[in-house]
Amino acid sequence: MTDNKTFRSGYVALVGRPNVGKSTLLNTILGEKVAIVTPRPQTTRNRITGIRTQPDSQIIFIDTPGIHKPQQLLGETMNRLAFTSLEDVDAVLFLVEPVAPGSGDLFVVERLKQLSKPVFLVINKADTVKKPELLPVIEAYSKLCPFAEIVPVSALRKEGVEELVGTVMQYIPEGPQLYPDDIVTDQAERFMAAEIIREKIIEATQKEVPHAAAVSIEEWTEKEAGLVFIRANIYIEREGQKGIIIGKNGSRLKSVGTKARHDIERLLGTKVFLELWVKIKKDWRGDERALKELGFK
């Protein structure tokens, strides 16, 4: 590590509407998958921390839930989580798509204008439009807020991402290294395992079920010979959703378990025995007590 006088460290929040690519950008910046990614909006429900360490800097990126018009208490909780993440960071990356700002973007911008810290406009998915088409988007957003920087990127194709990180570093204060070199996230292994299981559920199911599913790790035991036993409950809200997740003769649940186990084994670097149970927690997304039990603060 370099001398503290020249070393920079700080926190940067990623915010934006659902499905703009915040988690994909975080994973690309880190070069590792720490946040689950699916084509469905509102996949991220908690703050996910990713740590990018370089010889002269360490940036702690905080991925937040997509800001949206909430339909239930869960949605309100996710929005509050996203906005409170802005309080103690050194800079904010506001992710948008390469189109004119909509009502949801305007809502976020109004909150960002109140901040006394640099806010970047990051136009993700820039590879999906021709460069001249970006100009009116940049102009429209520039009229809304005095962004410190405007940076087009493609998180999926890894275009412009390193340039973005280099620019962010210029806004990070001098300070000590906060995490060891080999740490890319401070998320607990239990949390990450639960998120992997939820990702496989989202990929395997349709319509309402993905958002009605929550995962809780009930048992985590390290056995002999390097085997980890994990028992997880999948909570849904109605009886009909239970059948969808389990599938005919348990086929879908078995597929979810197999795919999740493979990813968890890669995460832990050891063999895993994964046991999944599907249980009903009626209307948990609107139940404050249930949300707390499932880890939503």
C-alpha atoms as a PDB file:
ATOM      1  CA  MET A   1       0.000   0.000   0.000  1.00  0.00           C
ATOM      2  CA  THR A   2       1.213   3.534  -0.712  1.00  0.00           C
ATOM      3  CA  ASP A   3       1.726   6.269   1.860  1.00  0.00           C
ATOM      4  CA  ASN A   4      -1.461   7.537   3.525  1.00  0.00           C
ATOM      5  CA  LYS A   5      -0.742  11.039   2.237  1.00  0.00           C
ATOM      6  CA  THR A   6      -1.424   9.943  -1.308  1.00  0.00           C
ATOM      7  CA  PHE A   7      -3.817   7.037  -0.710  1.00  0.00           C
ATOM      8  CA  ARG A   8      -7.524   7.702  -1.271  1.00  0.00           C
ATOM      9  CA  SER A   9     -10.456   5.853   0.258  1.00  0.00           C
ATOM     10  CA  GLY A  10     -14.164   6.505   0.415  1.00  0.00           C
ATOM     11  CA  TYR A  11     -17.735   5.394  -0.121  1.00  0.00           C
ATOM     12  CA  VAL A  12     -19.807   5.710  -3.294  1.00  0.00           C
ATOM     13  CA  ALA A  13     -23.525   4.901  -3.591  1.00  0.00           C
ATOM     14  CA  LEU A  14     -25.170   3.552  -6.748  1.00  0.00           C
ATOM     15  CA  VAL A  15     -28.780   4.699  -7.082  1.00  0.00           C
ATOM     16  CA  GLY A  16     -31.459   4.751  -9.759  1.00  0.00           C
ATOM     17  CA  ARG A  17     -34.734   3.226 -10.864  1.00  0.00           C
ATOM     18  CA  PRO A  18     -35.154  -0.570 -10.988  1.00  0.00           C
ATOM     19  CA  ASN A  19     -33.397  -2.500 -13.735  1.00  0.00           C
ATOM     20  CA  VAL A  20     -31.029   0.264 -14.882  1.00  0.00           C
ATOM     21  CA  GLY A  21     -28.020  -1.994 -14.292  1.00  0.00           C
ATOM     22  CA  LYS A  22     -26.671  -0.994 -10.869  1.00  0.00           C
ATOM     23  CA  SER A  23     -25.831  -4.551  -9.826  1.00  0.00           C
ATOM     24  CA  THR A  24     -24.288  -5.337 -13.218  1.00  0.00           C
ATOM     25  CA  LEU A  25     -22.116  -2.232 -12.934  1.00  0.00           C
ATOM     26  CA  LEU A  26     -21.015  -3.185  -9.418  1.00  0.00           C
ATOM     27  CA  ASN A  27     -20.037  -6.684 -10.532  1.00  0.00           C
ATOM     28  CA  THR A  28     -18.148  -5.295 -13.541  1.00  0.00           C
ATOM     29  CA  ILE A  29     -16.256  -2.782 -11.406  1.00  0.00           C
ATOM     30  CA  LEU A  30     -15.192  -5.534  -9.009  1.00  0.00           C
ATOM     31  CA  GLY A  31     -14.498  -8.182 -11.622  1.00  0.00           C
ATOM     32  CA  GLU A  32     -16.486 -10.592  -9.438  1.00  0.00           C
ATOM     33  CA  LYS A  33     -20.142 -11.324  -8.839  1.00  0.00           C
ATOM     34  CA  VAL A  34     -21.248 -10.005  -5.465  1.00  0.00           C
ATOM     35  CA  ALA A  35     -24.765  -8.866  -6.421  1.00  0.00           C
ATOM     36  CA  ILE A  36     -27.397 -11.049  -8.058  1.00  0.00           C
ATOM     37  CA  VAL A  37     -28.483  -9.957 -11.512  1.00  0.00           C
ATOM     38  CA  THR A  38     -31.708 -10.862 -13.330  1.00  0.00           C
ATOM     39  CA  PRO A  39     -33.735  -9.256 -16.130  1.00  0.00           C
ATOM     40  CA  ARG A  40     -36.539  -8.543 -13.644  1.00  0.00           C
ATOM     41  CA  PRO A  41     -36.829  -5.139 -11.955  1.00  0.00           C
ATOM     42  CA  GLN A  42     -36.500  -4.748  -8.172  1.00  0.00           C
ATOM     43  CA  THR A  43     -34.114  -7.686  -7.856  1.00  0.00           C
ATOM     44  CA  THR A  44     -31.891  -5.927  -5.285  1.00  0.00           C
ATOM     45  CA  ARG A  45     -33.623  -5.634  -1.899  1.00  0.00           C
ATOM     46  CA  ASN A  46     -30.731  -4.775   0.399  1.00  0.00           C
ATOM     47  CA  ARG A  47     -27.606  -2.674   0.330  1.00  0.00           C
ATOM     48  CA  ILE A  48     -24.803  -4.647  -1.294  1.00  0.00           C
ATOM     49  CA  THR A  49     -21.234  -3.552  -0.590  1.00  0.00           C
ATOM     50  CA  GLY A  50     -18.436  -4.038  -3.115  1.00  0.00           C
ATOM     51  CA  ILE A  51     -14.812  -3.062  -2.464  1.00  0.00           C
ATOM     52  CA  ARG A  52     -12.457  -2.031  -5.276  1.00  0.00           C
ATOM     53  CA  THR A  53      -8.829  -1.878  -4.099  1.00  0.00           C
ATOM     54  CA  GLN A  54      -6.019  -0.438  -6.232  1.00  0.00           C
ATOM     55  CA  PRO A  55      -2.418   0.491  -5.345  1.00  0.00           C
ATOM     56  CA  ASP A  56      -3.396   4.093  -4.671  1.00  0.00           C
ATOM     57  CA  SER A  57      -7.045   3.844  -3.625  1.00  0.00           C
ATOM     58  CA  GLN A  58      -9.889   1.851  -2.145  1.00  0.00           C
ATOM     59  CA  ILE A  59     -13.460   2.652  -3.126  1.00  0.00           C
ATOM     60  CA  ILE A  60     -16.365   1.025  -1.285  1.00  0.00           C
ATOM     61  CA  PHE A  61     -19.343   0.922  -3.646  1.00  0.00           C
ATOM     62  CA  ILE A  62     -22.838   0.520  -2.185  1.00  0.00           C
ATOM     63  CA  ASP A  63     -25.456  -0.967  -4.514  1.00  0.00           C
ATOM     64  CA  THR A  64     -28.981   0.022  -3.454  1.00  0.00           C
ATOM     65  CA  PRO A  65     -32.511  -1.179  -4.238  1.00  0.00           C
ATOM     66  CA  GLY A  66     -34.127   0.380  -7.294  1.00  0.00           C
ATOM     67  CA  ILE A  67     -36.200   3.439  -6.382  1.00  0.00           C
ATOM     68  CA  HIS A  68     -39.817   2.915  -7.463  1.00  0.00           C
ATOM     69  CA  LYS A  69     -43.420   3.714  -6.630  1.00  0.00           C
ATOM     70  CA  PRO A  70     -44.059   1.276  -3.773  1.00  0.00           C
ATOM     71  CA  GLN A  71     -47.121  -0.945  -3.738  1.00  0.00           C
ATOM     72  CA  GLN A  72     -46.390  -2.528  -0.349  1.00  0.00           C
ATOM     73  CA  LEU A  73     -44.440  -1.970   2.842  1.00  0.00           C
ATOM     74  CA  LEU A  74     -41.513  -3.889   1.344  1.00  0.00           C
ATOM     75  CA  GLY A  75     -41.278  -1.314  -1.452  1.00  0.00           C
ATOM     76  CA  GLU A  76     -41.357   1.551   1.033  1.00  0.00           C
ATOM     77  CA  THR A  77     -38.593  -0.142   3.028  1.00  0.00           C
ATOM     78  CA  MET A  78     -36.465  -0.594  -0.113  1.00  0.00           C
ATOM     79  CA  ASN A  79     -36.875   3.072  -1.100  1.00  0.00           C
ATOM     80  CA  ARG A  80     -35.950   4.219   2.409  1.00  0.00           C
ATOM     81  CA  LEU A  81     -32.882   1.982   2.305  1.00  0.00           C
ATOM     82  CA  ALA A  82     -31.794   3.500  -0.999  1.00  0.00           C
ATOM     83  CA  PHE A  83     -32.171   7.087   0.172  1.00  0.00           C
ATOM     84  CA  THR A  84     -30.531   6.564   3.577  1.00  0.00           C
ATOM     85  CA  SER A  85     -27.537   5.090   1.745  1.00  0.00           C
ATOM     86  CA  LEU A  86     -26.834   8.576   0.378  1.00  0.00           C
ATOM     87  CA  GLU A  87     -26.235  10.109   3.793  1.00  0.00           C
ATOM     88  CA  ASP A  88     -22.773   8.825   4.647  1.00  0.00           C
ATOM     89  CA  VAL A  89     -21.068   8.487   1.258  1.00  0.00           C
ATOM     90  CA  ASP A  90     -18.522  10.682  -0.473  1.00  0.00           C
ATOM     91  CA  ALA A  91     -20.127  10.573  -3.924  1.00  0.00           C
ATOM     92  CA  VAL A  92     -23.212   9.241  -5.694  1.00  0.00           C
ATOM     93  CA  LEU A  93     -23.562   7.500  -9.047  1.00  0.00           C
ATOM     94  CA  PHE A  94     -27.059   8.058 -10.453  1.00  0.00           C
ATOM     95  CA  LEU A  95     -27.669   5.403 -13.110  1.00  0.00           C
ATOM     96  CA  VAL A  96     -30.124   5.988 -15.938  1.00  0.00           C
ATOM     97  CA  GLU A  97     -30.875   4.476 -19.318  1.00  0.00           C
ATOM     98  CA  PRO A  98     -30.060   6.360 -22.564  1.00  0.00           C
ATOM     99  CA  VAL A  99     -33.558   7.815 -22.931  1.00  0.00           C
ATOM    100  CA  ALA A 100     -35.252  11.046 -21.889  1.00  0.00           C
ATOM    101  CA  PRO A 101     -35.892  11.273 -18.131  1.00  0.00           C
ATOM    102  CA  GLY A 102     -39.231   9.896 -16.984  1.00  0.00           C
ATOM    103  CA  SER A 103     -41.266  10.684 -13.877  1.00  0.00           C
ATOM    104  CA  GLY A 104     -39.332   8.140 -11.810  1.00  0.00           C
ATOM    105  CA  ASP A 105     -36.006   9.704 -12.793  1.00  0.00           C
ATOM    106  CA  LEU A 106     -37.328  13.182 -11.993  1.00  0.00           C
ATOM    107  CA  PHE A 107     -38.370  11.976  -8.540  1.00  0.00           C
ATOM    108  CA  VAL A 108     -34.849  10.704  -7.844  1.00  0.00           C
ATOM    109  CA  VAL A 109     -33.228  13.866  -9.226  1.00  0.00           C
ATOM    110  CA  GLU A 110     -35.210  16.049  -6.817  1.00  0.00           C
ATOM    111  CA  ARG A 111     -33.745  14.092  -3.901  1.00  0.00           C
ATOM    112  CA  LEU A 112     -30.233  14.208  -5.362  1.00  0.00           C
ATOM    113  CA  LYS A 113     -30.367  17.994  -5.765  1.00  0.00           C
ATOM    114  CA  GLN A 114     -30.579  18.297  -1.990  1.00  0.00           C
ATOM    115  CA  LEU A 115     -27.205  16.595  -1.483  1.00  0.00           C
ATOM    116  CA  SER A 116     -24.038  18.552  -0.737  1.00  0.00           C
ATOM    117  CA  LYS A 117     -21.744  15.982  -2.371  1.00  0.00           C
ATOM    118  CA  PRO A 118     -20.758  15.212  -5.966  1.00  0.00           C
ATOM    119  CA  VAL A 119     -23.386  13.366  -7.986  1.00  0.00           C
ATOM    120  CA  PHE A 120     -22.427  11.633 -11.230  1.00  0.00           C
ATOM    121  CA  LEU A 121     -24.913  10.968 -13.989  1.00  0.00           C
ATOM    122  CA  VAL A 122     -24.003   7.531 -15.334  1.00  0.00           C
ATOM    123  CA  ILE A 123     -25.823   6.726 -18.573  1.00  0.00           C
ATOM    124  CA  ASN A 124     -25.753   2.938 -18.676  1.00  0.00           C
ATOM    125  CA  LYS A 125     -26.541   0.731 -21.685  1.00  0.00           C
ATOM    126  CA  ALA A 126     -24.943   3.386 -23.909  1.00  0.00           C
ATOM    127  CA  ASP A 127     -24.091   0.646 -26.403  1.00  0.00           C
ATOM    128  CA  THR A 128     -27.806   0.249 -27.219  1.00  0.00           C
ATOM    129  CA  VAL A 129     -28.026   3.628 -28.983  1.00  0.00           C
ATOM    130  CA  LYS A 130     -25.937   5.558 -31.486  1.00  0.00           C
ATOM    131  CA  LYS A 131     -23.655   8.220 -30.014  1.00  0.00           C
ATOM    132  CA  PRO A 132     -25.605  11.192 -31.476  1.00  0.00           C
ATOM    133  CA  GLU A 133     -28.696   9.902 -29.642  1.00  0.00           C
ATOM    134  CA  LEU A 134     -26.926  10.399 -26.315  1.00  0.00           C
ATOM    135  CA  LEU A 135     -26.625  14.165 -26.800  1.00  0.00           C
ATOM    136  CA  PRO A 136     -30.305  15.050 -26.181  1.00  0.00           C
ATOM    137  CA  VAL A 137     -30.341  12.728 -23.160  1.00  0.00           C
ATOM    138  CA  ILE A 138     -27.288  14.473 -21.704  1.00  0.00           C
ATOM    139  CA  GLU A 139     -28.819  17.877 -22.446  1.00  0.00           C
ATOM    140  CA  ALA A 140     -32.144  16.978 -20.794  1.00  0.00           C
ATOM    141  CA  TYR A 141     -30.494  15.747 -17.606  1.00  0.00           C
ATOM    142  CA  SER A 142     -28.031  18.649 -17.495  1.00  0.00           C
ATOM    143  CA  LYS A 143     -30.977  21.036 -17.218  1.00  0.00           C
ATOM    144  CA  LEU A 144     -32.312  19.167 -14.199  1.00  0.00           C
ATOM    145  CA  CYS A 145     -29.267  19.014 -11.944  1.00  0.00           C
ATOM    146  CA  PRO A 146     -25.666  20.315 -11.823  1.00  0.00           C
ATOM    147  CA  PHE A 147     -24.022  16.897 -12.089  1.00  0.00           C
ATOM    148  CA  ALA A 148     -20.337  16.775 -11.190  1.00  0.00           C
ATOM    149  CA  GLU A 149     -19.691  14.423 -14.121  1.00  0.00           C
ATOM    150  CA  ILE A 150     -21.707  12.799 -16.908  1.00  0.00           C
ATOM    151  CA  VAL A 151     -20.319   9.434 -17.976  1.00  0.00           C
ATOM    152  CA  PRO A 152     -21.823   7.056 -20.587  1.00  0.00           C
ATOM    153  CA  VAL A 153     -20.987   3.383 -19.962  1.00  0.00           C
ATOM    154  CA  SER A 154     -22.029  -0.127 -20.863  1.00  0.00           C
ATOM    155  CA  ALA A 155     -21.742  -2.206 -17.709  1.00  0.00           C
ATOM    156  CA  LEU A 156     -22.654  -5.375 -19.579  1.00  0.00           C
ATOM    157  CA  ARG A 157     -19.996  -4.894 -22.270  1.00  0.00           C
ATOM    158  CA  LYS A 158     -17.500  -3.339 -19.827  1.00  0.00           C
ATOM    159  CA  GLU A 159     -17.233  -0.171 -21.910  1.00  0.00           C
ATOM    160  CA  GLY A 160     -16.298   3.059 -20.140  1.00  0.00           C
ATOM    161  CA  VAL A 161     -16.301   1.403 -16.719  1.00  0.00           C
ATOM    162  CA  GLU A 162     -12.587   1.821 -15.980  1.00  0.00           C
ATOM    163  CA  GLU A 163     -12.806   5.445 -17.090  1.00  0.00           C
ATOM    164  CA  LEU A 164     -15.709   5.889 -14.662  1.00  0.00           C
ATOM    165  CA  VAL A 165     -13.727   4.389 -11.772  1.00  0.00           C
ATOM    166  CA  GLY A 166     -10.763   6.630 -12.590  1.00  0.00           C
ATOM    167  CA  THR A 167     -12.976   9.712 -12.535  1.00  0.00           C
ATOM    168  CA  VAL A 168     -14.670   8.683  -9.294  1.00  0.00           C
ATOM    169  CA  MET A 169     -11.271   8.318  -7.621  1.00  0.00           C
ATOM    170  CA  GLN A 170     -10.594  12.018  -8.207  1.00  0.00           C
ATOM    171  CA  TYR A 171     -13.564  12.851  -5.958  1.00  0.00           C
ATOM    172  CA  ILE A 172     -12.622  10.482  -3.145  1.00  0.00           C
ATOM    173  CA  PRO A 173     -10.805  12.041  -0.163  1.00  0.00           C
ATOM    174  CA  GLU A 174      -7.360  11.040   1.033  1.00  0.00           C
ATOM    175  CA  GLY A 175      -7.543   8.420   3.725  1.00  0.00           C
ATOM    176  CA  PRO A 176      -6.342   5.033   4.962  1.00  0.00           C
ATOM    177  CA  GLN A 177      -7.124   1.654   3.463  1.00  0.00           C
ATOM    178  CA  LEU A 178     -10.238   0.333   5.222  1.00  0.00           C
ATOM    179  CA  TYR A 179     -10.282  -3.319   4.100  1.00  0.00           C
ATOM    180  CA  PRO A 180      -7.585  -5.912   3.297  1.00  0.00           C
ATOM    181  CA  ASP A 181      -6.508  -6.184  -0.354  1.00  0.00           C
ATOM    182  CA  ASP A 182      -8.275  -9.498  -0.974  1.00  0.00           C
ATOM    183  CA  ILE A 183     -11.726  -8.487   0.336  1.00  0.00           C
ATOM    184  CA  VAL A 184     -14.280  -7.611  -2.387  1.00  0.00           C
ATOM    185  CA  THR A 185     -17.391  -7.493  -0.184  1.00  0.00           C
ATOM    186  CA  ASP A 186     -18.238  -7.361   3.499  1.00  0.00           C
ATOM    187  CA  GLN A 187     -21.486  -9.252   2.993  1.00  0.00           C
ATOM    188  CA  ALA A 188     -21.836 -12.328   5.189  1.00  0.00           C
ATOM    189  CA  GLU A 189     -21.654 -15.692   3.443  1.00  0.00           C
ATOM    190  CA  ARG A 190     -25.145 -16.549   4.732  1.00  0.00           C
ATOM    191  CA  PHE A 191     -26.582 -13.430   3.137  1.00  0.00           C
ATOM    192  CA  MET A 192     -24.868 -14.125  -0.179  1.00  0.00           C
ATOM    193  CA  ALA A 193     -26.046 -17.756  -0.167  1.00  0.00           C
ATOM    194  CA  ALA A 194     -29.633 -16.619   0.436  1.00  0.00           C
ATOM    195  CA  GLU A 195     -29.326 -14.121  -2.421  1.00  0.00           C
ATOM    196  CA  ILE A 196     -28.020 -16.825  -4.770  1.00  0.00           C
ATOM    197  CA  ILE A 197     -31.033 -19.016  -3.964  1.00  0.00           C
ATOM    198  CA  ARG A 198     -33.382 -16.082  -4.575  1.00  0.00           C
ATOM    199  CA  GLU A 199     -31.672 -15.358  -7.894  1.00  0.00           C
ATOM    200  CA  LYS A 200     -32.354 -18.931  -9.059  1.00  0.00           C
ATOM    201  CA  ILE A 201     -35.997 -18.612  -7.990  1.00  0.00           C
ATOM    202  CA  ILE A 202     -36.378 -15.415 -10.004  1.00  0.00           C
ATOM    203  CA  GLU A 203     -34.825 -17.065 -13.050  1.00  0.00           C
ATOM    204  CA  ALA A 204     -37.071 -20.122 -12.762  1.00  0.00           C
ATOM    205  CA  THR A 205     -40.459 -18.529 -12.084  1.00  0.00           C
ATOM    206  CA  GLN A 206     -42.769 -16.090 -13.804  1.00  0.00           C
ATOM    207  CA  LYS A 207     -45.024 -13.117 -13.089  1.00  0.00           C
ATOM    208  CA  GLU A 208     -45.721 -12.369  -9.422  1.00  0.00           C
ATOM    209  CA  VAL A 209     -43.854 -15.205  -7.743  1.00  0.00           C
ATOM    210  CA  PRO A 210     -40.308 -13.731  -7.915  1.00  0.00           C
ATOM    211  CA  HIS A 211     -41.261 -10.648  -5.902  1.00  0.00           C
ATOM    212  CA  ALA A 212     -43.336 -12.694  -3.444  1.00  0.00           C
ATOM    213  CA  ALA A 213     -40.390 -14.948  -2.568  1.00  0.00           C
ATOM    214  CA  ALA A 214     -37.944 -14.415   0.291  1.00  0.00           C
ATOM    215  CA  VAL A 215     -35.147 -16.706   1.467  1.00  0.00           C
ATOM    216  CA  SER A 216     -34.021 -17.294   5.026  1.00  0.00           C
ATOM    217  CA  ILE A 217     -31.007 -19.426   6.003  1.00  0.00           C
ATOM    218  CA  GLU A 218     -32.198 -21.524   8.957  1.00  0.00           C
ATOM    219  CA  GLU A 219     -29.150 -23.744   9.490  1.00  0.00           C
ATOM    220  CA  TRP A 220     -25.493 -23.500   8.478  1.00  0.00           C
ATOM    221  CA  THR A 221     -23.285 -26.287   9.769  1.00  0.00           C
ATOM    222  CA  GLU A 222     -19.704 -27.050   8.769  1.00  0.00           C
ATOM    223  CA  LYS A 223     -19.320 -30.833   8.684  1.00  0.00           C
ATOM    224  CA  GLU A 224     -16.188 -32.934   8.520  1.00  0.00           C
ATOM    225  CA  ALA A 225     -14.261 -33.309   5.259  1.00  0.00           C
ATOM    226  CA  GLY A 226     -15.000 -29.712   4.213  1.00  0.00           C
ATOM    227  CA  LEU A 227     -18.759 -30.122   3.702  1.00  0.00           C
ATOM    228  CA  VAL A 228     -21.167 -27.282   4.564  1.00  0.00           C
ATOM    229  CA  PHE A 229     -24.782 -28.187   5.295  1.00  0.00           C
ATOM    230  CA  ILE A 230     -27.257 -25.397   4.546  1.00  0.00           C
ATOM    231  CA  ARG A 231     -30.977 -25.516   5.233  1.00  0.00           C
ATOM    232  CA  ALA A 232     -32.982 -22.643   3.784  1.00  0.00           C
ATOM    233  CA  ASN A 233     -36.639 -21.710   3.860  1.00  0.00           C
ATOM    234  CA  ILE A 234     -38.239 -20.124   0.798  1.00  0.00           C
ATOM    235  CA  TYR A 235     -41.154 -17.995   1.946  1.00  0.00           C
ATOM    236  CA  ILE A 236     -44.013 -17.097  -0.390  1.00  0.00           C
ATOM    237  CA  GLU A 237     -47.375 -15.461   0.278  1.00  0.00           C
ATOM    238  CA  ARG A 238     -50.029 -17.830  -1.109  1.00  0.00           C
ATOM    239  CA  GLU A 239     -50.650 -21.534  -1.582  1.00  0.00           C
ATOM    240  CA  GLY A 240     -50.732 -21.247  -5.377  1.00  0.00           C
ATOM    241  CA  GLN A 241     -47.222 -19.764  -5.417  1.00  0.00           C
ATOM    242  CA  LYS A 242     -45.940 -22.729  -3.452  1.00  0.00           C
ATOM    243  CA  GLY A 243     -46.920 -25.120  -6.233  1.00  0.00           C
ATOM    244  CA  ILE A 244     -45.275 -22.905  -8.852  1.00  0.00           C
ATOM    245  CA  ILE A 245     -41.940 -22.892  -7.038  1.00  0.00           C
ATOM    246  CA  ILE A 246     -41.999 -26.621  -6.281  1.00  0.00           C
ATOM    247  CA  GLY A 247     -43.084 -27.587  -9.815  1.00  0.00           C
ATOM    248  CA  LYS A 248     -44.382 -30.921 -11.057  1.00  0.00           C
ATOM    249  CA  ASN A 249     -43.043 -33.698  -8.842  1.00  0.00           C
ATOM    250  CA  GLY A 250     -40.668 -31.170  -7.269  1.00  0.00           C
ATOM    251  CA  SER A 251     -38.790 -30.615 -10.539  1.00  0.00           C
ATOM    252  CA  ARG A 252     -38.499 -26.822 -10.374  1.00  0.00           C
ATOM    253  CA  LEU A 253     -37.395 -26.756  -6.737  1.00  0.00           C
ATOM    254  CA  LYS A 254     -34.804 -29.427  -7.494  1.00  0.00           C
ATOM    255  CA  SER A 255     -33.476 -27.365 -10.418  1.00  0.00           C
ATOM    256  CA  VAL A 256     -33.327 -24.220  -8.261  1.00  0.00           C
ATOM    257  CA  GLY A 257     -31.448 -26.146  -5.578  1.00  0.00           C
ATOM    258  CA  THR A 258     -28.945 -27.668  -7.995  1.00  0.00           C
ATOM    259  CA  LYS A 259     -28.096 -24.346  -9.655  1.00  0.00           C
ATOM    260  CA  ALA A 260     -27.919 -22.528  -6.329  1.00  0.00           C
ATOM    261  CA  ARG A 261     -25.694 -25.219  -4.809  1.00  0.00           C
ATOM    262  CA  HIS A 262     -23.187 -24.945  -7.662  1.00  0.00           C
ATOM    263  CA  ASP A 263     -22.910 -21.165  -7.221  1.00  0.00           C
ATOM    264  CA  ILE A 264     -22.674 -21.408  -3.429  1.00  0.00           C
ATOM    265  CA  GLU A 265     -19.899 -23.987  -3.760  1.00  0.00           C
ATOM    266  CA  ARG A 266     -17.975 -21.554  -5.979  1.00  0.00           C
ATOM    267  CA  LEU A 267     -18.558 -18.833  -3.398  1.00  0.00           C
ATOM    268  CA  LEU A 268     -17.368 -20.921  -0.448  1.00  0.00           C
ATOM    269  CA  GLY A 269     -14.767 -23.006  -2.240  1.00  0.00           C
ATOM    270  CA  THR A 270     -16.103 -26.189  -0.671  1.00  0.00           C
ATOM    271  CA  LYS A 271     -18.755 -28.863  -1.126  1.00  0.00           C
ATOM    272  CA  VAL A 272     -22.284 -27.923  -0.072  1.00  0.00           C
ATOM    273  CA  PHE A 273     -25.349 -29.941   0.855  1.00  0.00           C
ATOM    274  CA  LEU A 274     -28.330 -27.645   0.269  1.00  0.00           C
ATOM    275  CA  GLU A 275     -31.772 -28.410   1.649  1.00  0.00           C
ATOM    276  CA  LEU A 276     -34.677 -26.195   0.541  1.00  0.00           C
ATOM    277  CA  TRP A 277     -38.155 -25.925   2.058  1.00  0.00           C
ATOM    278  CA  VAL A 278     -41.041 -23.842   0.703  1.00  0.00           C
ATOM    279  CA  LYS A 279     -43.298 -22.256   3.320  1.00  0.00           C
ATOM    280  CA  ILE A 280     -46.165 -19.769   3.319  1.00  0.00           C
ATOM    281  CA  LYS A 281     -45.852 -16.489   5.211  1.00  0.00           C
ATOM    282  CA  LYS A 282     -49.106 -14.819   4.224  1.00  0.00           C
ATOM    283  CA  ASP A 283     -48.741 -11.328   2.724  1.00  0.00           C
ATOM    284  CA  TRP A 284     -45.281 -10.917   4.258  1.00  0.00           C
ATOM    285  CA  ARG A 285     -44.411  -7.969   2.011  1.00  0.00           C
ATOM    286  CA  GLY A 286     -46.979  -5.830   3.834  1.00  0.00           C
ATOM    287  CA  ASP A 287     -46.278  -7.131   7.338  1.00  0.00           C
ATOM    288  CA  GLU A 288     -43.779  -5.072   9.349  1.00  0.00           C
ATOM    289  CA  ARG A 289     -43.061  -7.900  11.781  1.00  0.00           C
ATOM    290  CA  ALA A 290     -42.488 -10.398   8.964  1.00  0.00           C
ATOM    291  CA  LEU A 291     -40.157  -7.979   7.177  1.00  0.00           C
ATOM    292  CA  LYS A 292     -38.036  -7.621  10.324  1.00  0.00           C
ATOM    293  CA  GLU A 293     -37.928 -11.398  10.754  1.00  0.00           C
ATOM    294  CA  LEU A 294     -36.655 -11.693   7.182  1.00  0.00           C
ATOM    295  CA  GLY A 295     -33.912  -9.135   7.726  1.00  0.00           C
ATOM    296  CA  PHE A 296     -35.497  -5.964   6.306  1.00  0.00           C
ATOM    297  CA  LYS A 297     -34.841  -3.079   8.677  1.00  0.00           C
END
